């Protein structure tokens, strides 16, 4: 799956390098999308040493619209 698939299927502005805020752990954590795996996002969050896998619509806020 690709970022285009994620954008089209979920209706989100997911794009590699876009800023996001993740709230799934009870606090707001900023990060950046680094890619996709299947129909999920791969992102680097501040304070986390490794990339995490996130569902495109679950507790993810997109800070930048895809161009």
PDB file of N, CA and C in Angstrom:
ATOM      1  N   UNK A   1       0.850  -1.170   0.000  1.00  0.00           N
ATOM      2  CA  UNK A   1       0.000   0.000   0.000  1.00  0.00           C
ATOM      3  C   UNK A   1       0.901   1.239   0.000  1.00  0.00           C
ATOM      4  N   UNK A   2       0.328   2.332  -0.415  1.00  0.00           N
ATOM      5  CA  UNK A   2       1.126   3.542  -0.532  1.00  0.00           C
ATOM      6  C   UNK A   2       0.463   4.693   0.209  1.00  0.00           C
ATOM      7  N   UNK A   3       1.156   5.796   0.276  1.00  0.00           N
ATOM      8  CA  UNK A   3       0.595   7.007   0.883  1.00  0.00           C
ATOM      9  C   UNK A   3      -0.639   7.455   0.098  1.00  0.00           C
ATOM     10  N   UNK A   4      -0.596   7.318  -1.215  1.00  0.00           N
ATOM     11  CA  UNK A   4      -1.757   7.704  -2.020  1.00  0.00           C
ATOM     12  C   UNK A   4      -2.966   6.867  -1.631  1.00  0.00           C
ATOM     13  N   UNK A   5      -2.766   5.573  -1.446  1.00  0.00           N
ATOM     14  CA  UNK A   5      -3.860   4.707  -1.008  1.00  0.00           C
ATOM     15  C   UNK A   5      -4.411   5.184   0.336  1.00  0.00           C
ATOM     16  N   UNK A   6      -3.542   5.480   1.287  1.00  0.00           N
ATOM     17  CA  UNK A   6      -3.963   5.941   2.608  1.00  0.00           C
ATOM     18  C   UNK A   6      -4.747   7.247   2.484  1.00  0.00           C
ATOM     19  N   UNK A   7      -4.244   8.191   1.671  1.00  0.00           N
ATOM     20  CA  UNK A   7      -4.956   9.458   1.468  1.00  0.00           C
ATOM     21  C   UNK A   7      -6.342   9.226   0.875  1.00  0.00           C
ATOM     22  N   UNK A   8      -6.408   8.399  -0.157  1.00  0.00           N
ATOM     23  CA  UNK A   8      -7.674   8.150  -0.846  1.00  0.00           C
ATOM     24  C   UNK A   8      -8.660   7.358   0.012  1.00  0.00           C
ATOM     25  N   UNK A   9      -8.206   6.294   0.633  1.00  0.00           N
ATOM     26  CA  UNK A   9      -9.093   5.403   1.384  1.00  0.00           C
ATOM     27  C   UNK A   9      -9.587   6.027   2.685  1.00  0.00           C
ATOM     28  N   UNK A  10      -8.676   6.654   3.429  1.00  0.00           N
ATOM     29  CA  UNK A  10      -9.040   7.206   4.733  1.00  0.00           C
ATOM     30  C   UNK A  10      -9.409   8.689   4.680  1.00  0.00           C
ATOM     31  N   UNK A  11      -9.125   9.353   3.573  1.00  0.00           N
ATOM     32  CA  UNK A  11      -9.465  10.768   3.446  1.00  0.00           C
ATOM     33  C   UNK A  11      -8.644  11.667   4.356  1.00  0.00           C
ATOM     34  N   UNK A  12      -7.393  11.320   4.540  1.00  0.00           N
ATOM     35  CA  UNK A  12      -6.492  12.101   5.394  1.00  0.00           C
ATOM     36  C   UNK A  12      -5.371  12.682   4.537  1.00  0.00           C
ATOM     37  N   UNK A  13      -4.745  13.774   4.994  1.00  0.00           N
ATOM     38  CA  UNK A  13      -3.664  14.392   4.212  1.00  0.00           C
ATOM     39  C   UNK A  13      -2.288  13.801   4.517  1.00  0.00           C
ATOM     40  N   UNK A  14      -2.195  12.486   4.623  1.00  0.00           N
ATOM     41  CA  UNK A  14      -0.924  11.828   4.948  1.00  0.00           C
ATOM     42  C   UNK A  14       0.086  12.020   3.824  1.00  0.00           C
ATOM     43  N   UNK A  15       1.277  12.441   4.206  1.00  0.00           N
ATOM     44  CA  UNK A  15       2.354  12.659   3.244  1.00  0.00           C
ATOM     45  C   UNK A  15       3.673  12.470   3.981  1.00  0.00           C
ATOM     46  N   UNK A  16       4.621  11.840   3.340  1.00  0.00           N
ATOM     47  CA  UNK A  16       5.928  11.641   3.960  1.00  0.00           C
ATOM     48  C   UNK A  16       6.516  12.999   4.349  1.00  0.00           C
ATOM     49  N   UNK A  17       6.960  13.118   5.592  1.00  0.00           N
ATOM     50  CA  UNK A  17       7.532  14.362   6.090  1.00  0.00           C
ATOM     51  C   UNK A  17       6.530  15.279   6.770  1.00  0.00           C
ATOM     52  N   UNK A  18       5.238  14.952   6.672  1.00  0.00           N
ATOM     53  CA  UNK A  18       4.212  15.807   7.281  1.00  0.00           C
ATOM     54  C   UNK A  18       4.259  15.713   8.800  1.00  0.00           C
ATOM     55  N   UNK A  19       3.989  16.830   9.458  1.00  0.00           N
ATOM     56  CA  UNK A  19       3.939  16.855  10.918  1.00  0.00           C
ATOM     57  C   UNK A  19       2.602  16.319  11.400  1.00  0.00           C
ATOM     58  N   UNK A  20       2.666  15.548  12.491  1.00  0.00           N
ATOM     59  CA  UNK A  20       1.460  15.012  13.098  1.00  0.00           C
ATOM     60  C   UNK A  20       1.529  15.201  14.611  1.00  0.00           C
ATOM     61  N   UNK A  21       0.388  15.033  15.248  1.00  0.00           N
ATOM     62  CA  UNK A  21       0.323  14.949  16.704  1.00  0.00           C
ATOM     63  C   UNK A  21      -0.422  13.666  17.028  1.00  0.00           C
ATOM     64  N   UNK A  22       0.192  12.827  17.856  1.00  0.00           N
ATOM     65  CA  UNK A  22      -0.395  11.556  18.256  1.00  0.00           C
ATOM     66  C   UNK A  22      -0.851  11.670  19.704  1.00  0.00           C
ATOM     67  N   UNK A  23      -2.088  11.253  19.990  1.00  0.00           N
ATOM     68  CA  UNK A  23      -2.631  11.356  21.345  1.00  0.00           C
ATOM     69  C   UNK A  23      -3.047  10.001  21.913  1.00  0.00           C
ATOM     70  N   UNK A  24      -2.600   8.927  21.336  1.00  0.00           N
ATOM     71  CA  UNK A  24      -3.014   7.596  21.750  1.00  0.00           C
ATOM     72  C   UNK A  24      -2.461   7.134  23.079  1.00  0.00           C
ATOM     73  N   UNK A  25      -1.450   7.788  23.590  1.00  0.00           N
ATOM     74  CA  UNK A  25      -0.878   7.375  24.872  1.00  0.00           C
ATOM     75  C   UNK A  25      -1.303   8.303  26.011  1.00  0.00           C
ATOM     76  N   UNK A  26      -2.317   9.128  25.778  1.00  0.00           N
ATOM     77  CA  UNK A  26      -2.831  10.010  26.816  1.00  0.00           C
ATOM     78  C   UNK A  26      -2.212  11.388  26.855  1.00  0.00           C
ATOM     79  N   UNK A  27      -1.211  11.634  26.039  1.00  0.00           N
ATOM     80  CA  UNK A  27      -0.612  12.969  25.950  1.00  0.00           C
ATOM     81  C   UNK A  27      -0.357  13.298  24.494  1.00  0.00           C
ATOM     82  N   UNK A  28      -0.172  14.574  24.202  1.00  0.00           N
ATOM     83  CA  UNK A  28       0.079  15.017  22.827  1.00  0.00           C
ATOM     84  C   UNK A  28       1.576  14.905  22.524  1.00  0.00           C
ATOM     85  N   UNK A  29       1.906  14.111  21.520  1.00  0.00           N
ATOM     86  CA  UNK A  29       3.298  13.911  21.121  1.00  0.00           C
ATOM     87  C   UNK A  29       3.420  14.280  19.648  1.00  0.00           C
ATOM     88  N   UNK A  30       4.323  15.206  19.354  1.00  0.00           N
ATOM     89  CA  UNK A  30       4.546  15.602  17.964  1.00  0.00           C
ATOM     90  C   UNK A  30       5.468  14.605  17.275  1.00  0.00           C
ATOM     91  N   UNK A  31       5.316  14.521  15.967  1.00  0.00           N
ATOM     92  CA  UNK A  31       6.159  13.633  15.188  1.00  0.00           C
ATOM     93  C   UNK A  31       6.067  13.951  13.714  1.00  0.00           C
ATOM     94  N   UNK A  32       6.723  13.118  12.906  1.00  0.00           N
ATOM     95  CA  UNK A  32       6.703  13.268  11.449  1.00  0.00           C
ATOM     96  C   UNK A  32       6.484  11.904  10.818  1.00  0.00           C
ATOM     97  N   UNK A  33       5.713  11.908   9.747  1.00  0.00           N
ATOM     98  CA  UNK A  33       5.483  10.685   8.987  1.00  0.00           C
ATOM     99  C   UNK A  33       6.754  10.372   8.199  1.00  0.00           C
ATOM    100  N   UNK A  34       7.222   9.129   8.304  1.00  0.00           N
ATOM    101  CA  UNK A  34       8.424   8.734   7.577  1.00  0.00           C
ATOM    102  C   UNK A  34       8.126   7.762   6.438  1.00  0.00           C
ATOM    103  N   UNK A  35       6.918   7.217   6.422  1.00  0.00           N
ATOM    104  CA  UNK A  35       6.565   6.286   5.362  1.00  0.00           C
ATOM    105  C   UNK A  35       5.286   5.557   5.698  1.00  0.00           C
ATOM    106  N   UNK A  36       5.066   4.452   4.987  1.00  0.00           N
ATOM    107  CA  UNK A  36       3.879   3.650   5.240  1.00  0.00           C
ATOM    108  C   UNK A  36       4.262   2.183   5.217  1.00  0.00           C
ATOM    109  N   UNK A  37       3.457   1.397   5.888  1.00  0.00           N
ATOM    110  CA  UNK A  37       3.612  -0.058   5.867  1.00  0.00           C
ATOM    111  C   UNK A  37       2.195  -0.626   5.821  1.00  0.00           C
ATOM    112  N   UNK A  38       1.915  -1.360   4.764  1.00  0.00           N
ATOM    113  CA  UNK A  38       0.545  -1.807   4.487  1.00  0.00           C
ATOM    114  C   UNK A  38      -0.347  -0.570   4.460  1.00  0.00           C
ATOM    115  N   UNK A  39      -1.438  -0.544   5.219  1.00  0.00           N
ATOM    116  CA  UNK A  39      -2.331   0.618   5.208  1.00  0.00           C
ATOM    117  C   UNK A  39      -2.147   1.451   6.467  1.00  0.00           C
ATOM    118  N   UNK A  40      -0.953   1.404   7.056  1.00  0.00           N
ATOM    119  CA  UNK A  40      -0.648   2.157   8.272  1.00  0.00           C
ATOM    120  C   UNK A  40       0.504   3.121   8.027  1.00  0.00           C
ATOM    121  N   UNK A  41       0.601   4.090   8.911  1.00  0.00           N
ATOM    122  CA  UNK A  41       1.682   5.072   8.832  1.00  0.00           C
ATOM    123  C   UNK A  41       2.865   4.628   9.670  1.00  0.00           C
ATOM    124  N   UNK A  42       4.038   4.939   9.206  1.00  0.00           N
ATOM    125  CA  UNK A  42       5.260   4.781  10.000  1.00  0.00           C
ATOM    126  C   UNK A  42       5.666   6.208  10.359  1.00  0.00           C
ATOM    127  N   UNK A  43       5.905   6.463  11.635  1.00  0.00           N
ATOM    128  CA  UNK A  43       6.213   7.827  12.076  1.00  0.00           C
ATOM    129  C   UNK A  43       7.267   7.820  13.162  1.00  0.00           C
ATOM    130  N   UNK A  44       8.027   8.916  13.227  1.00  0.00           N
ATOM    131  CA  UNK A  44       8.984   9.139  14.316  1.00  0.00           C
ATOM    132  C   UNK A  44       8.366  10.157  15.244  1.00  0.00           C
ATOM    133  N   UNK A  45       8.153   9.776  16.488  1.00  0.00           N
ATOM    134  CA  UNK A  45       7.582  10.664  17.484  1.00  0.00           C
ATOM    135  C   UNK A  45       8.690  11.195  18.379  1.00  0.00           C
ATOM    136  N   UNK A  46       8.519  12.427  18.853  1.00  0.00           N
ATOM    137  CA  UNK A  46       9.514  13.019  19.744  1.00  0.00           C
ATOM    138  C   UNK A  46       9.633  12.187  21.010  1.00  0.00           C
ATOM    139  N   UNK A  47      10.863  11.944  21.421  1.00  0.00           N
ATOM    140  CA  UNK A  47      11.110  11.195  22.639  1.00  0.00           C
ATOM    141  C   UNK A  47      11.065   9.686  22.476  1.00  0.00           C
ATOM    142  N   UNK A  48      10.848   9.208  21.256  1.00  0.00           N
ATOM    143  CA  UNK A  48      10.812   7.771  20.994  1.00  0.00           C
ATOM    144  C   UNK A  48      11.985   7.447  20.081  1.00  0.00           C
ATOM    145  N   UNK A  49      12.756   6.427  20.433  1.00  0.00           N
ATOM    146  CA  UNK A  49      13.986   6.123  19.707  1.00  0.00           C
ATOM    147  C   UNK A  49      13.774   5.414  18.377  1.00  0.00           C
ATOM    148  N   UNK A  50      12.586   4.896  18.142  1.00  0.00           N
ATOM    149  CA  UNK A  50      12.342   4.099  16.957  1.00  0.00           C
ATOM    150  C   UNK A  50      11.048   4.561  16.273  1.00  0.00           C
ATOM    151  N   UNK A  51      10.878   4.158  15.041  1.00  0.00           N
ATOM    152  CA  UNK A  51       9.654   4.506  14.319  1.00  0.00           C
ATOM    153  C   UNK A  51       8.492   3.680  14.870  1.00  0.00           C
ATOM    154  N   UNK A  52       7.329   4.277  14.932  1.00  0.00           N
ATOM    155  CA  UNK A  52       6.129   3.585  15.399  1.00  0.00           C
ATOM    156  C   UNK A  52       5.164   3.424  14.230  1.00  0.00           C
ATOM    157  N   UNK A  53       4.290   2.448  14.341  1.00  0.00           N
ATOM    158  CA  UNK A  53       3.281   2.197  13.322  1.00  0.00           C
ATOM    159  C   UNK A  53       1.946   2.699  13.866  1.00  0.00           C
ATOM    160  N   UNK A  54       1.273   3.558  13.097  1.00  0.00           N
ATOM    161  CA  UNK A  54       0.028   4.179  13.530  1.00  0.00           C
ATOM    162  C   UNK A  54      -1.069   3.968  12.501  1.00  0.00           C
ATOM    163  N   UNK A  55      -2.297   3.794  12.981  1.00  0.00           N
ATOM    164  CA  UNK A  55      -3.437   3.766  12.079  1.00  0.00           C
ATOM    165  C   UNK A  55      -3.691   5.206  11.631  1.00  0.00           C
ATOM    166  N   UNK A  56      -3.975   5.447  10.366  1.00  0.00           N
ATOM    167  CA  UNK A  56      -4.106   6.813   9.850  1.00  0.00           C
ATOM    168  C   UNK A  56      -5.203   7.662  10.487  1.00  0.00           C
ATOM    169  N   UNK A  57      -6.215   7.050  11.088  1.00  0.00           N
ATOM    170  CA  UNK A  57      -7.313   7.845  11.656  1.00  0.00           C
ATOM    171  C   UNK A  57      -7.444   7.735  13.170  1.00  0.00           C
ATOM    172  N   UNK A  58      -6.667   6.879  13.810  1.00  0.00           N
ATOM    173  CA  UNK A  58      -6.830   6.666  15.245  1.00  0.00           C
ATOM    174  C   UNK A  58      -5.860   7.538  16.040  1.00  0.00           C
ATOM    175  N   UNK A  59      -6.400   8.586  16.665  1.00  0.00           N
ATOM    176  CA  UNK A  59      -5.628   9.468  17.550  1.00  0.00           C
ATOM    177  C   UNK A  59      -4.480  10.179  16.851  1.00  0.00           C
ATOM    178  N   UNK A  60      -4.581  10.393  15.536  1.00  0.00           N
ATOM    179  CA  UNK A  60      -3.559  11.114  14.768  1.00  0.00           C
ATOM    180  C   UNK A  60      -4.179  12.396  14.237  1.00  0.00           C
ATOM    181  N   UNK A  61      -3.529  13.524  14.529  1.00  0.00           N
ATOM    182  CA  UNK A  61      -3.956  14.830  14.023  1.00  0.00           C
ATOM    183  C   UNK A  61      -2.901  15.303  13.033  1.00  0.00           C
ATOM    184  N   UNK A  62      -3.334  15.672  11.848  1.00  0.00           N
ATOM    185  CA  UNK A  62      -2.419  16.110  10.808  1.00  0.00           C
ATOM    186  C   UNK A  62      -2.232  17.607  10.878  1.00  0.00           C
ATOM    187  N   UNK A  63      -0.992  18.059  10.979  1.00  0.00           N
ATOM    188  CA  UNK A  63      -0.697  19.474  11.117  1.00  0.00           C
ATOM    189  C   UNK A  63      -0.512  20.167   9.770  1.00  0.00           C
ATOM    190  N   UNK A  64      -0.188  19.419   8.727  1.00  0.00           N
ATOM    191  CA  UNK A  64       0.048  19.980   7.401  1.00  0.00           C
ATOM    192  C   UNK A  64      -0.806  19.246   6.394  1.00  0.00           C
ATOM    193  N   UNK A  65      -1.402  19.953   5.493  1.00  0.00           N
ATOM    194  CA  UNK A  65      -2.189  19.313   4.434  1.00  0.00           C
ATOM    195  C   UNK A  65      -1.264  18.803   3.341  1.00  0.00           C
ATOM    196  N   UNK A  66      -1.608  17.704   2.746  1.00  0.00           N
ATOM    197  CA  UNK A  66      -0.829  17.158   1.633  1.00  0.00           C
ATOM    198  C   UNK A  66      -0.933  18.096   0.440  1.00  0.00           C
ATOM    199  N   UNK A  67       0.158  18.260  -0.283  1.00  0.00           N
ATOM    200  CA  UNK A  67       0.178  19.163  -1.432  1.00  0.00           C
ATOM    201  C   UNK A  67       0.166  18.397  -2.721  1.00  0.00           C
TER     202      UNK A  67
END
